[in-house]
Protein backbone atom coordinates (compact mmCIF):
# COMPACT_ATOMS: atom_id res chain seq x y z
CA MET A 1 175.89 171.44 123.82
CA THR A 2 174.96 168.01 122.58
CA VAL A 3 171.65 169.49 121.49
CA THR A 4 173.18 172.16 119.30
CA VAL A 5 175.73 169.70 117.84
CA ILE A 6 173.07 167.59 116.07
CA ASN A 7 171.94 170.60 113.92
CA VAL A 8 175.51 171.09 112.80
CA LEU A 9 175.91 167.35 112.01
CA ALA A 10 172.62 167.29 110.07
CA VAL A 11 174.28 169.67 107.58
CA ASN A 12 178.00 169.19 107.64
CA LEU A 13 178.25 165.44 107.85
CA TYR A 14 176.47 164.64 104.64
CA VAL A 15 177.72 167.60 102.50
CA PRO A 16 180.86 165.72 101.22
CA THR A 17 178.59 162.87 100.01
CA LEU A 18 176.24 165.12 97.85
CA PRO A 19 177.93 164.11 94.62
CA ASP A 20 177.47 160.37 95.60
CA ILE A 21 173.91 160.91 96.60
CA ALA A 22 173.16 162.39 93.10
CA ARG A 23 174.75 159.28 91.50
CA SER A 24 173.18 156.74 93.79
CA LEU A 25 169.56 158.10 93.50
CA GLN A 26 169.98 158.97 89.78
CA ALA A 27 169.44 162.68 90.61
CA THR A 28 170.86 165.88 89.20
CA GLU A 29 173.40 167.94 91.09
CA ALA A 30 170.74 170.55 91.58
CA GLN A 31 168.30 167.96 93.13
CA ALA A 32 170.94 166.62 95.53
CA GLN A 33 171.76 170.27 96.58
CA PHE A 34 168.00 170.90 96.99
CA THR A 35 167.97 168.35 99.91
CA LEU A 36 170.06 171.01 101.85
CA THR A 37 167.96 173.90 100.58
CA ALA A 38 164.72 172.19 101.62
CA PHE A 39 166.20 171.41 105.08
CA MET A 40 167.08 174.96 105.60
CA LEU A 41 163.66 176.30 104.53
CA ALA A 42 161.81 173.87 106.72
CA TYR A 43 164.24 174.67 109.55
CA ALA A 44 163.64 178.48 109.10
CA GLY A 45 159.90 178.20 109.00
CA ALA A 46 159.59 175.86 111.98
CA GLN A 47 161.59 178.28 114.18
CA LEU A 48 158.72 180.75 113.88
CA VAL A 49 156.55 178.16 115.62
CA TYR A 50 158.84 176.83 118.10
CA GLY A 51 159.66 180.33 119.60
CA PRO A 52 156.10 181.35 120.76
CA ILE A 53 155.24 177.78 121.85
CA ALA A 54 158.30 177.57 124.02
CA ASP A 55 157.59 181.02 125.57
CA ARG A 56 154.18 179.62 126.58
CA LEU A 57 154.81 175.96 127.35
CA GLY A 58 158.42 176.08 128.49
CA ARG A 59 161.73 175.00 126.97
CA ARG A 60 162.25 171.40 127.98
CA ARG A 61 159.16 169.66 126.79
CA VAL A 62 159.24 171.40 123.40
CA MET A 63 162.83 170.45 122.94
CA LEU A 64 162.18 166.78 123.76
CA ALA A 65 159.43 166.69 121.18
CA GLY A 66 161.66 168.28 118.50
CA LEU A 67 164.53 165.69 119.24
CA LEU A 68 162.13 162.75 118.64
CA LEU A 69 160.90 164.33 115.45
CA PHE A 70 164.50 164.80 114.35
CA LEU A 71 165.36 161.17 115.01
CA ALA A 72 162.46 159.93 112.96
CA GLY A 73 163.37 162.12 110.01
CA THR A 74 167.05 160.99 110.17
CA LEU A 75 166.03 157.29 110.10
CA LEU A 76 163.72 157.93 107.14
CA ALA A 77 166.61 159.66 105.27
CA ALA A 78 168.88 156.69 105.85
CA VAL A 79 166.55 154.44 103.91
CA ALA A 80 165.48 156.81 101.25
CA PRO A 81 164.95 154.97 97.89
CA THR A 82 164.52 158.16 95.80
CA ILE A 83 165.61 161.82 95.87
CA GLY A 84 162.06 162.91 96.56
CA TRP A 85 161.87 160.62 99.68
CA LEU A 86 165.25 161.96 100.89
CA THR A 87 164.11 165.59 100.41
CA GLY A 88 160.95 164.79 102.44
CA ALA A 89 162.85 163.15 105.14
CA ARG A 90 165.18 165.99 105.36
CA VAL A 91 162.24 168.34 105.80
CA LEU A 92 160.93 166.21 108.69
CA GLN A 93 164.52 166.16 110.07
CA ALA A 94 164.57 170.00 109.95
CA LEU A 95 161.23 170.32 111.60
CA GLY A 96 162.65 168.44 114.60
CA ALA A 97 165.95 170.16 114.65
CA ALA A 98 164.65 173.65 114.51
CA GLY A 99 163.85 173.80 118.22
CA SER A 100 167.22 172.91 119.39
CA THR A 101 169.26 175.94 118.46
CA ILE A 102 166.63 178.53 119.35
CA LEU A 103 165.76 176.87 122.66
CA ALA A 104 169.46 176.50 123.59
CA ARG A 105 169.82 180.25 122.83
CA ALA A 106 166.68 181.14 124.73
CA MET A 107 167.68 178.91 127.81
CA VAL A 108 171.03 180.66 128.05
CA ARG A 109 169.17 184.04 127.94
CA ASP A 110 166.81 182.83 130.70
CA LEU A 111 169.87 182.03 132.97
CA TYR A 112 172.43 184.69 132.11
CA GLU A 113 172.57 188.49 131.53
CA ARG A 114 173.54 189.87 128.18
CA ALA A 115 177.36 189.83 128.48
CA ASP A 116 177.57 186.45 130.25
CA ALA A 117 175.07 185.05 127.71
CA ALA A 118 177.35 186.07 124.87
CA ARG A 119 180.27 184.34 126.58
CA ILE A 120 178.24 181.13 127.11
CA MET A 121 177.02 181.17 123.50
CA SER A 122 180.58 181.46 122.24
CA TYR A 123 181.52 178.31 124.33
CA LEU A 124 178.64 176.55 122.89
CA GLY A 125 179.85 177.74 119.51
CA ILE A 126 183.00 175.95 120.14
CA GLY A 127 181.15 172.65 120.67
CA SER A 128 179.26 173.34 117.35
CA GLY A 129 182.57 174.10 115.69
CA LEU A 130 184.09 170.93 116.84
CA ALA A 131 181.13 169.04 115.43
CA GLY A 132 181.57 171.10 112.18
CA ALA A 133 185.10 170.14 112.06
CA ILE A 134 184.59 166.43 112.58
CA GLY A 135 181.34 166.26 110.51
CA PRO A 136 182.65 166.64 106.95
CA PHE A 137 185.73 164.52 107.51
CA PHE A 138 183.68 161.84 109.26
CA GLY A 139 180.95 161.97 106.65
CA GLY A 140 183.59 161.53 103.88
CA TRP A 141 185.29 158.74 105.74
CA LEU A 142 182.13 156.91 106.34
CA LEU A 143 181.35 156.98 102.59
CA VAL A 144 184.76 155.51 101.87
CA ALA A 145 184.43 152.99 104.68
CA THR A 146 181.04 151.69 104.00
CA GLY A 147 180.62 152.55 100.27
CA THR A 148 177.31 154.46 100.92
CA TRP A 149 176.16 157.88 101.93
CA ARG A 150 173.49 156.24 104.14
CA GLY A 151 175.91 155.46 106.88
CA GLY A 152 176.19 159.22 107.66
CA PHE A 153 172.44 159.41 108.53
CA LEU A 154 172.66 156.29 110.57
CA ALA A 155 175.62 157.79 112.60
CA ILE A 156 173.57 160.98 113.17
CA ALA A 157 170.69 158.82 114.46
CA ALA A 158 172.81 157.05 116.88
CA PHE A 159 174.30 160.33 118.25
CA THR A 160 170.75 161.82 118.64
CA ILE A 161 170.24 159.33 121.54
CA VAL A 162 172.84 161.34 123.67
CA PRO A 163 170.96 164.72 123.66
CA LEU A 164 167.68 162.94 124.15
CA ILE A 165 168.98 161.27 127.36
CA VAL A 166 170.60 164.50 128.56
CA VAL A 167 167.42 166.67 128.03
CA TRP A 168 165.18 163.98 129.54
CA LEU A 169 167.32 163.18 132.61
CA ILE A 170 169.41 166.30 133.35
CA VAL A 171 168.06 169.45 131.79
CA ARG A 172 165.59 171.37 134.00
CA GLU A 173 163.00 173.95 132.86
CA THR A 174 164.48 177.52 132.63
CA LEU A 175 161.46 179.57 131.87
CA LYS A 176 160.41 181.30 135.05
CA ALA A 177 157.18 183.01 133.89
CA PRO A 178 155.43 181.69 130.94
CA ALA A 179 154.28 184.28 128.45
CA PRO A 180 150.47 184.89 128.47
CA SER A 181 148.59 183.23 125.68
CA ARG A 182 147.49 185.84 123.21
CA GLY A 183 146.65 183.68 120.20
CA LEU A 184 147.93 183.77 116.67
CA PHE A 185 147.46 187.54 116.49
CA GLY A 186 149.49 187.99 119.74
CA PHE A 187 152.36 185.96 118.20
CA LEU A 188 152.30 188.02 115.03
CA ALA A 189 152.18 191.20 116.92
CA ASN A 190 155.32 190.16 118.90
CA TYR A 191 157.10 189.43 115.48
CA ALA A 192 156.09 192.80 114.10
CA ALA A 193 157.32 194.60 117.24
CA LEU A 194 160.65 192.90 116.96
CA LEU A 195 161.08 193.77 113.27
CA ARG A 196 160.37 197.44 114.07
CA LEU A 197 163.20 197.46 116.48
CA PRO A 198 166.53 198.42 114.43
CA GLY A 199 168.68 196.97 117.20
CA TYR A 200 166.98 193.53 116.49
CA THR A 201 166.55 193.60 112.73
CA LEU A 202 170.09 194.84 111.81
CA TYR A 203 171.87 192.24 113.95
CA ALA A 204 169.37 189.53 112.90
CA LEU A 205 170.05 190.31 109.19
CA GLY A 206 173.78 190.66 109.71
CA GLY A 207 173.99 187.19 111.17
CA ALA A 208 171.75 185.78 108.43
CA LEU A 209 173.79 187.17 105.64
CA LEU A 210 176.86 185.50 107.06
CA ASN A 211 174.96 182.32 107.41
CA ALA A 212 173.97 182.63 103.78
CA ALA A 213 177.59 183.14 102.75
CA PHE A 214 178.74 180.12 104.66
CA PHE A 215 176.10 177.75 103.32
CA ALA A 216 176.39 179.07 99.73
CA PHE A 217 180.09 178.16 99.95
CA LEU A 218 179.43 174.94 101.80
CA VAL A 219 177.03 173.67 99.05
CA ALA A 220 179.29 174.62 96.16
CA VAL A 221 182.71 173.56 97.42
CA PRO A 222 182.26 169.77 97.25
CA PHE A 223 181.43 169.97 93.58
CA VAL A 224 184.31 172.52 92.75
CA LEU A 225 186.82 170.37 94.69
CA GLU A 226 185.74 167.18 92.93
CA ARG A 227 185.69 168.82 89.50
CA VAL A 228 188.60 171.05 89.54
CA TYR A 229 190.88 169.32 92.03
CA ASP A 230 189.75 165.74 91.56
CA LEU A 231 189.36 165.17 95.39
CA THR A 232 187.52 162.27 96.99
CA ALA A 233 184.71 162.73 99.46
CA ALA A 234 186.98 162.12 102.39
CA GLU A 235 189.48 164.68 100.98
CA VAL A 236 186.61 167.19 100.53
CA GLY A 237 185.66 166.70 104.12
CA LEU A 238 189.21 167.37 105.20
CA VAL A 239 189.28 170.66 103.45
CA LEU A 240 185.93 171.66 104.95
CA VAL A 241 187.29 170.95 108.41
CA ASN A 242 189.56 173.88 107.97
CA THR A 243 186.82 176.45 108.13
CA THR A 244 185.22 174.99 111.28
CA ILE A 245 188.58 174.95 112.99
CA GLY A 246 188.69 178.63 112.39
CA TYR A 247 185.19 178.99 113.68
CA MET A 248 186.13 177.32 116.92
CA ALA A 249 189.06 179.51 117.35
CA GLY A 250 187.05 182.57 116.68
CA ASN A 251 184.47 181.57 119.34
CA LEU A 252 187.14 180.88 121.86
CA ILE A 253 188.70 184.31 121.26
CA ALA A 254 185.32 186.02 121.29
CA ALA A 255 184.49 184.60 124.66
CA ARG A 256 187.65 186.17 126.04
CA ILE A 257 187.60 189.61 124.37
CA GLY A 258 183.73 190.31 123.89
CA ALA A 259 183.16 191.93 127.21
CA ARG A 260 186.23 194.32 126.70
CA LEU A 261 185.68 195.15 123.00
CA GLY A 262 181.90 195.29 123.21
CA LEU A 263 179.59 193.04 121.31
CA GLU A 264 178.65 195.48 118.65
CA ARG A 265 182.32 196.14 117.71
CA LEU A 266 183.13 192.39 117.96
CA VAL A 267 180.49 191.31 115.35
CA LEU A 268 181.54 194.10 112.95
CA LEU A 269 185.21 192.99 113.20
CA GLY A 270 184.02 189.39 112.42
CA ALA A 271 182.12 190.40 109.31
CA LEU A 272 185.11 192.26 107.98
CA LEU A 273 187.35 189.23 108.64
CA CYS A 274 184.90 187.18 106.56
CA ALA A 275 184.76 189.59 103.56
CA GLY A 276 188.59 189.88 103.36
CA PRO A 277 189.35 186.26 102.77
CA ALA A 278 186.71 186.02 100.07
CA LEU A 279 188.53 188.70 98.20
CA ALA A 280 191.91 186.84 98.75
CA MET A 281 190.41 183.63 97.21
CA VAL A 282 189.47 185.60 94.07
CA LEU A 283 192.97 187.13 93.87
CA LEU A 284 194.83 183.86 94.54
CA SER A 285 192.67 181.54 92.46
CA GLY A 286 194.74 182.18 89.19
CA TRP A 287 197.94 181.33 91.00
CA GLU A 288 198.31 177.65 90.18
CA ALA A 289 201.47 177.13 92.29
CA ILE A 290 199.67 177.47 95.55
CA GLY A 291 196.71 175.11 94.47
CA LEU A 292 194.33 174.35 97.41
CA ALA A 293 196.09 176.74 99.64
CA ALA A 294 194.18 179.48 97.89
CA ILE A 295 191.02 178.05 99.49
CA ILE A 296 192.29 176.53 102.69
CA GLY A 297 194.06 179.65 103.96
CA PRO A 298 191.33 182.22 103.44
CA MET A 299 188.62 179.92 104.70
CA LEU A 300 190.44 179.36 107.98
CA VAL A 301 190.26 183.27 108.45
CA TYR A 302 186.76 183.30 107.36
CA GLY A 303 185.95 180.79 110.08
CA VAL A 304 187.56 182.98 112.73
CA GLY A 305 185.43 185.90 111.66
CA ALA A 306 182.26 183.91 111.66
CA GLY A 307 183.11 182.85 115.14
CA PHE A 308 183.46 186.42 116.13
CA SER A 309 180.06 187.48 114.59
CA ILE A 310 177.35 184.75 114.43
CA PRO A 311 176.94 183.73 118.12
CA PRO A 312 177.21 187.36 119.59
CA SER A 313 174.85 188.73 116.81
CA GLY A 314 172.23 186.33 118.13
CA VAL A 315 172.65 187.34 121.71
CA ILE A 316 172.39 191.06 120.83
CA ALA A 317 169.05 190.44 118.93
CA VAL A 318 167.56 188.15 121.59
CA SER A 319 168.43 190.54 124.35
CA VAL A 320 166.05 193.37 123.12
CA ASN A 321 163.20 191.82 124.93
CA PRO A 322 164.19 189.02 127.33
CA GLN A 323 160.54 188.23 128.17
CA ILE A 324 160.06 186.75 124.78
CA ALA A 325 163.50 185.48 124.20
CA ALA A 326 162.35 182.34 122.57
CA THR A 327 160.14 184.27 120.09
CA ALA A 328 163.09 186.55 119.34
CA SER A 329 165.35 183.61 118.93
CA GLY A 330 162.89 181.91 116.59
CA LEU A 331 162.54 184.90 114.38
CA TYR A 332 166.34 185.14 114.37
CA GLY A 333 166.60 181.61 113.34
CA PHE A 334 164.04 181.97 110.58
CA LEU A 335 165.85 184.99 109.10
CA SER A 336 169.26 183.13 109.26
CA PHE A 337 168.10 179.88 107.62
CA SER A 338 165.66 181.41 105.09
CA ILE A 339 168.32 183.85 103.93
CA GLY A 340 170.79 180.96 104.22
CA ALA A 341 168.63 178.82 101.93
CA LEU A 342 168.63 181.66 99.41
CA GLY A 343 172.41 181.46 99.51
CA THR A 344 172.42 177.76 98.58
CA VAL A 345 170.09 178.63 95.63
CA LEU A 346 172.40 181.26 94.43
CA ALA A 347 175.41 178.94 94.79
CA GLY A 348 173.67 176.53 92.51
CA GLN A 349 173.48 179.26 89.69
CA VAL A 350 177.17 180.29 89.66
CA GLY A 351 178.81 177.18 88.35
CA TYR A 352 181.55 174.84 89.63
CA ASP A 353 184.29 175.07 87.05
CA SER A 354 186.24 177.59 89.29
CA ILE A 355 186.10 178.78 92.79
CA VAL A 356 185.98 182.51 91.79
CA PRO A 357 182.08 182.73 91.38
CA SER A 358 181.50 181.25 94.80
CA ALA A 359 184.10 183.36 96.33
CA LEU A 360 182.58 186.54 94.89
CA LEU A 361 179.21 185.55 96.24
CA LEU A 362 180.80 184.90 99.71
CA MET A 363 182.40 188.43 99.54
CA VAL A 364 179.17 190.23 98.48
CA LEU A 365 177.13 188.56 101.38
CA ALA A 366 179.79 189.13 104.00
CA THR A 367 180.13 192.82 102.98
CA ALA A 368 176.44 193.27 103.14
CA SER A 369 176.53 191.77 106.68
CA ALA A 370 179.26 194.16 107.60
CA GLY A 371 176.95 197.07 106.39
CA CYS A 372 174.23 195.92 108.79
CA TYR A 373 176.58 195.92 111.70
CA VAL A 374 177.96 199.30 110.85
CA ALA A 375 174.40 200.65 110.88
CA GLY A 376 173.73 198.91 114.26
CA LEU A 377 176.87 200.39 115.78
CA TRP A 378 175.96 203.86 114.47
CA LEU A 379 172.42 203.50 115.96
CA ALA A 380 173.85 202.45 119.34
CA ARG A 381 176.23 205.38 119.63
CA PRO A 382 175.67 207.65 122.64
CA LYS A 383 173.19 210.44 121.90
CA ARG A 384 174.39 213.96 122.61
């Protein structure tokens, strides 16, 4: 769980400080936001490499190497003198972080069958949700307490020592039979085979679109809250906590009802729960009497829906071929974060003078995700 948490902190903890980063490094808002986009693009691409390597060499050694790389990138980010340096450090950070999530997902699949794996991933999602809940608030608090955004990166570096020790001393290798080495063309053939399977592609795209929706909102909301509601970084972090509390609750409920409801129905229900609150934000935004409640309430429900959908959709996708679980997990992560990066770019184009454009973008992406899950459910129906 500690391994998956650092990826969440790498994104959530510094988001409330983006406006301060722009001011401190004499950068534009778009340049500050691009530090997140660059992280996500590098994170996405690296997962295509981690998956096949972990299927060949094992999970544990690859995870340790990734954690060391992540630590180096985090320390370089903490001392960045320019926005270009910070962007480069974020890329290095992402290259290290990329292995953690996909290898955790693959290790769970190594040890558990499909239904149990979904339950375990939901519990891991609770840990990630807790980090997501604490991260924005803690990042904003650190900025207020220390007067600099650099404290957040130093805190992440200190926390990274924990999963390093856990993986080194406690975690054992879970890969029973390494995949045969087939070279670059073999890796590409595995990816092509996965993409030809609708049961993989539809659920990978569904999860990716929900990730894009969340990251688009995440990168836009600090600027909206500062500009429209005049909130401090700590207050922005407190607002963002709300979504991750919903995400934790969604993971907990999903772990209990997933087996009875069926994973395919569960993820569809989650996507619909994400699209509805986005529409509610649009409708409530003109009602000045309720103020921030127009954002806080709907995003709590959105978090629940994301908890229903994102972890189980990964399990559905990775389960199509357990022999190359890490490769499948890597491709899933690549799609999630490359499309998620596109969401952050779109968020930068819609403006920050109102929550409405960001909410509309959230609704469109969540609705598209639900469409993927509907198609997946239709394809999985019993044939007559």
